[in-house]
């Protein structure tokens, strides 16, 4: 069997180890585990196959090959409950940590390529000509009280030369606060990103899709102090936070407004 075919078959087999596996009776669970172990063979996963599988599948294979049935069931239950376990950073790489799993090879527990950033927008309001943004951001699964957060304003442009402005946030265990200054932004659409760093590992994502329930965004345009521009917050079609900076629209003279009103 070719490596590509082996990877495809393993994906199909290990995919079944989810809530469907837990719904099986003991006899059918044992039958599935025994069949999977035979397919894995004595040598287990090759390096090529291992690198093509997500960590959750690699850990399932580890448990199956070593006959760790109770640990396998707990691993699946934790994932099904939304509690995949913590992680530790070693040498710039992120490894999944499961207290009940011993002897897991580092290459099987390596989730560096899979972790992202957890984030939530709590509020974005105007204050003294700037935008006060509050929320939460953390590197997924990495437990620490020392997470630094940056808000990144990135110009929406088709060219690689698009500009970005990084704003250091004040962060603590309860969330972060950052102030975005529209006066440093040129005209155009600016997408808001959030970056979280923990133990030297940084992850970044578009910001705003996950929001505090009931959050209402003030989309009123405000004049930018010291500039001939105005800025307004909005949510994109995908639900992400963005800022539009444009040339300020001059108000019509009072006399012209009155003429239009009474000549309708």
Protein backbone atom coordinates (compact mmCIF):
# COMPACT_ATOMS: atom_id res chain seq x y z
CA UNK A 1 0.00 0.00 0.00
CA UNK A 2 1.37 3.42 -0.96
CA UNK A 3 2.02 6.02 1.78
CA UNK A 4 -0.77 8.22 0.41
CA UNK A 5 -3.19 5.30 0.46
CA UNK A 6 -2.10 4.36 4.00
CA UNK A 7 -2.70 7.93 5.19
CA UNK A 8 -6.14 8.00 3.57
CA UNK A 9 -7.16 4.68 5.16
CA UNK A 10 -5.86 5.73 8.57
CA UNK A 11 -7.82 8.97 8.35
CA UNK A 12 -10.97 6.96 7.71
CA UNK A 13 -10.26 4.48 10.51
CA UNK A 14 -9.19 6.91 13.22
CA UNK A 15 -12.01 9.31 12.36
CA UNK A 16 -14.40 6.72 13.76
CA UNK A 17 -12.89 7.10 17.24
CA UNK A 18 -15.27 9.83 18.37
CA UNK A 19 -18.74 9.82 19.94
CA UNK A 20 -19.65 6.91 17.65
CA UNK A 21 -16.95 4.81 19.28
CA UNK A 22 -18.29 5.65 22.72
CA UNK A 23 -21.77 4.58 21.62
CA UNK A 24 -20.55 1.08 20.78
CA UNK A 25 -20.88 -1.77 23.27
CA UNK A 26 -17.74 -3.26 24.76
CA UNK A 27 -17.53 -6.13 22.29
CA UNK A 28 -17.67 -3.89 19.23
CA UNK A 29 -15.21 -1.42 20.74
CA UNK A 30 -12.74 -4.25 21.27
CA UNK A 31 -13.28 -5.51 17.71
CA UNK A 32 -12.58 -2.07 16.26
CA UNK A 33 -9.48 -1.56 18.41
CA UNK A 34 -8.06 -4.98 17.53
CA UNK A 35 -8.59 -4.41 13.82
CA UNK A 36 -6.94 -1.00 14.00
CA UNK A 37 -3.96 -2.41 15.88
CA UNK A 38 -3.43 -5.03 13.19
CA UNK A 39 -3.50 -2.33 10.51
CA UNK A 40 -0.95 -0.23 12.42
CA UNK A 41 1.37 -3.23 12.76
CA UNK A 42 4.25 -3.66 15.17
CA UNK A 43 6.19 -0.65 13.91
CA UNK A 44 3.26 1.75 14.21
CA UNK A 45 3.22 5.06 12.35
CA UNK A 46 6.02 5.91 9.95
CA UNK A 47 7.44 9.44 10.03
CA UNK A 48 5.72 10.33 6.74
CA UNK A 49 2.36 9.04 7.91
CA UNK A 50 2.77 10.65 11.35
CA UNK A 51 3.47 14.09 9.86
CA UNK A 52 0.31 13.86 7.74
CA UNK A 53 -2.01 13.09 10.66
CA UNK A 54 -3.37 15.57 13.23
CA UNK A 55 -2.17 15.12 16.80
CA UNK A 56 -5.55 13.78 17.94
CA UNK A 57 -5.22 10.88 15.47
CA UNK A 58 -1.58 10.25 16.39
CA UNK A 59 -2.52 9.99 20.07
CA UNK A 60 -5.35 7.60 19.26
CA UNK A 61 -2.91 5.41 17.36
CA UNK A 62 -0.49 5.55 20.32
CA UNK A 63 -3.19 4.34 22.73
CA UNK A 64 -4.44 1.64 20.37
CA UNK A 65 -1.02 0.19 19.60
CA UNK A 66 -0.13 -0.01 23.31
CA UNK A 67 -3.47 -1.38 24.44
CA UNK A 68 -4.37 1.69 26.50
CA UNK A 69 -8.13 1.28 26.15
CA UNK A 70 -9.20 3.23 29.23
CA UNK A 71 -6.90 6.09 28.29
CA UNK A 72 -8.23 6.04 24.73
CA UNK A 73 -11.82 6.31 25.94
CA UNK A 74 -10.94 9.16 28.29
CA UNK A 75 -9.12 11.00 25.50
CA UNK A 76 -12.20 10.75 23.28
CA UNK A 77 -14.57 11.76 26.07
CA UNK A 78 -12.48 14.82 26.93
CA UNK A 79 -12.43 15.96 23.31
CA UNK A 80 -16.16 15.35 22.91
CA UNK A 81 -16.76 17.46 26.03
CA UNK A 82 -14.65 20.31 24.64
CA UNK A 83 -11.78 19.72 27.06
CA UNK A 84 -8.85 18.55 24.91
CA UNK A 85 -6.27 19.08 27.65
CA UNK A 86 -3.50 21.56 28.26
CA UNK A 87 -0.20 22.13 26.54
CA UNK A 88 3.38 23.06 27.36
CA UNK A 89 5.89 25.08 25.33
CA UNK A 90 9.39 23.62 25.03
CA UNK A 91 12.00 25.16 22.76
CA UNK A 92 9.41 27.16 20.87
CA UNK A 93 7.22 24.14 20.12
CA UNK A 94 3.87 23.30 21.69
CA UNK A 95 3.15 19.84 23.07
CA UNK A 96 -0.19 18.46 24.23
CA UNK A 97 -0.22 17.35 27.84
CA UNK A 98 -2.40 14.54 29.21
CA UNK A 99 -1.65 13.51 32.81
CA UNK A 100 -3.09 10.07 32.21
CA UNK A 101 -0.90 9.36 29.14
CA UNK A 102 2.69 8.31 29.82
CA UNK A 103 5.49 7.73 27.37
CA UNK A 104 3.97 9.59 24.43
CA UNK A 105 6.69 10.39 21.86
CA UNK A 106 7.23 14.11 21.37
CA UNK A 107 6.44 13.88 17.68
CA UNK A 108 3.01 12.46 18.52
CA UNK A 109 2.23 15.15 21.09
CA UNK A 110 3.51 18.05 18.95
CA UNK A 111 0.60 20.40 18.22
CA UNK A 112 2.64 23.45 17.21
CA UNK A 113 1.08 23.65 13.76
CA UNK A 114 -2.44 23.16 15.12
CA UNK A 115 -2.76 25.73 17.90
CA UNK A 116 -4.32 29.09 17.15
CA UNK A 117 -5.51 32.01 19.24
CA UNK A 118 -8.66 32.03 21.35
CA UNK A 119 -10.25 35.46 21.22
CA UNK A 120 -13.40 37.39 22.10
CA UNK A 121 -14.41 40.98 21.45
CA UNK A 122 -16.11 42.53 24.46
CA UNK A 123 -16.43 46.17 23.36
CA UNK A 124 -15.18 48.73 20.83
CA UNK A 125 -16.13 52.31 21.71
CA UNK A 126 -14.92 55.80 20.91
CA UNK A 127 -13.08 57.62 23.69
CA UNK A 128 -11.28 60.96 23.33
CA UNK A 129 -10.78 60.56 19.59
CA UNK A 130 -9.47 57.00 19.87
CA UNK A 131 -11.13 53.57 19.82
CA UNK A 132 -11.02 51.65 23.07
CA UNK A 133 -11.08 47.93 22.35
CA UNK A 134 -11.51 45.38 25.11
CA UNK A 135 -11.65 41.63 24.92
CA UNK A 136 -9.81 38.39 25.55
CA UNK A 137 -6.99 36.67 23.66
CA UNK A 138 -4.77 33.69 24.47
CA UNK A 139 -2.73 31.04 22.69
CA UNK A 140 -4.93 27.94 22.54
CA UNK A 141 -4.35 25.30 25.23
CA UNK A 142 -1.29 27.04 26.70
CA UNK A 143 -2.04 27.87 30.32
CA UNK A 144 -0.14 30.90 31.59
CA UNK A 145 -0.69 34.17 33.42
CA UNK A 146 1.84 35.93 31.20
CA UNK A 147 0.17 36.41 27.84
CA UNK A 148 0.99 39.58 25.94
CA UNK A 149 -1.57 40.90 23.47
CA UNK A 150 -1.27 43.21 20.47
CA UNK A 151 -4.02 44.70 18.40
CA UNK A 152 -3.04 44.85 14.72
CA UNK A 153 -4.66 47.27 12.29
CA UNK A 154 -3.96 45.88 8.81
CA UNK A 155 -4.69 47.76 5.61
CA UNK A 156 -6.99 45.86 3.29
CA UNK A 157 -5.12 45.97 0.01
CA UNK A 158 -4.33 43.59 -2.82
CA UNK A 159 -0.62 44.40 -2.86
CA UNK A 160 2.00 42.82 -0.57
CA UNK A 161 3.05 46.30 0.53
CA UNK A 162 -0.07 46.82 2.61
CA UNK A 163 0.56 48.70 5.82
CA UNK A 164 -0.11 47.52 9.35
CA UNK A 165 0.01 49.22 12.73
CA UNK A 166 0.63 47.18 15.87
CA UNK A 167 -0.77 48.42 19.18
CA UNK A 168 0.43 46.96 22.46
CA UNK A 169 -2.50 46.17 24.74
CA UNK A 170 -2.66 46.17 28.49
CA UNK A 171 -3.40 42.56 29.33
CA UNK A 172 -4.06 40.61 32.51
CA UNK A 173 -5.92 37.49 33.52
CA UNK A 174 -9.25 39.19 32.96
CA UNK A 175 -8.64 40.27 29.37
CA UNK A 176 -7.01 43.13 27.50
CA UNK A 177 -7.54 46.79 26.69
CA UNK A 178 -6.06 48.63 23.70
CA UNK A 179 -6.52 52.08 22.20
CA UNK A 180 -6.45 52.42 18.40
CA UNK A 181 -5.66 55.89 17.05
CA UNK A 182 -7.27 56.54 13.63
CA UNK A 183 -5.04 59.59 13.10
CA UNK A 184 -2.13 57.31 12.15
CA UNK A 185 -4.18 55.46 9.53
CA UNK A 186 -4.51 56.49 5.92
CA UNK A 187 -7.80 56.39 4.01
CA UNK A 188 -9.14 52.92 3.32
CA UNK A 189 -10.43 49.80 5.04
CA UNK A 190 -8.46 48.54 8.01
CA UNK A 191 -9.06 45.01 9.29
CA UNK A 192 -8.54 44.41 13.00
CA UNK A 193 -6.42 41.43 14.03
CA UNK A 194 -5.40 40.25 17.48
CA UNK A 195 -2.07 38.63 18.33
CA UNK A 196 -1.37 36.69 21.53
CA UNK A 197 2.09 35.63 22.70
CA UNK A 198 2.84 33.09 25.43
CA UNK A 199 6.28 31.64 26.22
CA UNK A 200 7.62 32.93 22.91
CA UNK A 201 4.82 31.44 20.80
CA UNK A 202 2.69 33.97 18.91
CA UNK A 203 -0.62 33.33 17.18
CA UNK A 204 -2.69 35.88 15.28
CA UNK A 205 -6.24 35.96 13.90
CA UNK A 206 -8.90 38.27 12.53
CA UNK A 207 -10.77 39.76 15.44
CA UNK A 208 -14.45 40.27 16.24
CA UNK A 209 -16.20 37.18 14.93
CA UNK A 210 -16.49 35.88 18.49
CA UNK A 211 -18.19 38.60 20.51
CA UNK A 212 -19.70 39.25 23.90
CA UNK A 213 -23.42 38.31 23.63
CA UNK A 214 -25.54 41.37 22.98
CA UNK A 215 -22.64 43.54 21.87
CA UNK A 216 -23.84 46.48 19.75
CA UNK A 217 -21.31 48.34 17.66
CA UNK A 218 -21.49 52.12 17.28
CA UNK A 219 -21.01 52.55 13.52
CA UNK A 220 -21.30 56.36 13.60
CA UNK A 221 -18.49 58.13 11.74
CA UNK A 222 -16.35 60.41 13.87
CA UNK A 223 -13.96 63.14 12.76
CA UNK A 224 -10.30 62.29 13.24
CA UNK A 225 -8.56 64.97 15.36
CA UNK A 226 -5.97 66.93 13.38
CA UNK A 227 -6.88 65.29 10.09
CA UNK A 228 -9.32 65.94 7.25
CA UNK A 229 -10.62 62.39 7.59
CA UNK A 230 -13.34 60.60 9.52
CA UNK A 231 -13.51 57.01 10.71
CA UNK A 232 -16.24 54.48 11.42
CA UNK A 233 -16.28 51.00 12.87
CA UNK A 234 -18.20 48.17 11.22
CA UNK A 235 -18.43 44.40 11.02
CA UNK A 236 -17.53 42.66 7.77
CA UNK A 237 -19.77 40.03 6.15
CA UNK A 238 -17.73 37.43 8.01
CA UNK A 239 -18.41 39.20 11.31
CA UNK A 240 -14.90 40.58 11.80
CA UNK A 241 -14.16 44.02 13.20
CA UNK A 242 -12.95 46.65 10.72
CA UNK A 243 -12.46 50.39 10.46
CA UNK A 244 -13.16 52.60 7.45
CA UNK A 245 -11.15 55.81 7.19
CA UNK A 246 -12.33 58.26 4.53
CA UNK A 247 -12.16 61.92 3.60
CA UNK A 248 -14.38 63.90 5.93
CA UNK A 249 -17.69 64.87 4.42
CA UNK A 250 -18.28 68.60 4.73
CA UNK A 251 -21.64 69.65 6.12
CA UNK A 252 -23.77 71.72 3.80
CA UNK A 253 -24.20 75.40 4.83
CA UNK A 254 -27.27 76.12 6.96
CA UNK A 255 -28.79 78.33 4.22
CA UNK A 256 -28.53 75.49 1.67
CA UNK A 257 -30.12 73.04 4.13
CA UNK A 258 -33.08 75.39 4.70
CA UNK A 259 -33.59 75.93 0.96
CA UNK A 260 -33.63 72.19 0.30
CA UNK A 261 -36.01 71.59 3.18
CA UNK A 262 -38.61 74.19 2.15
CA UNK A 263 -38.45 73.59 -1.60
CA UNK A 264 -39.20 69.87 -1.51
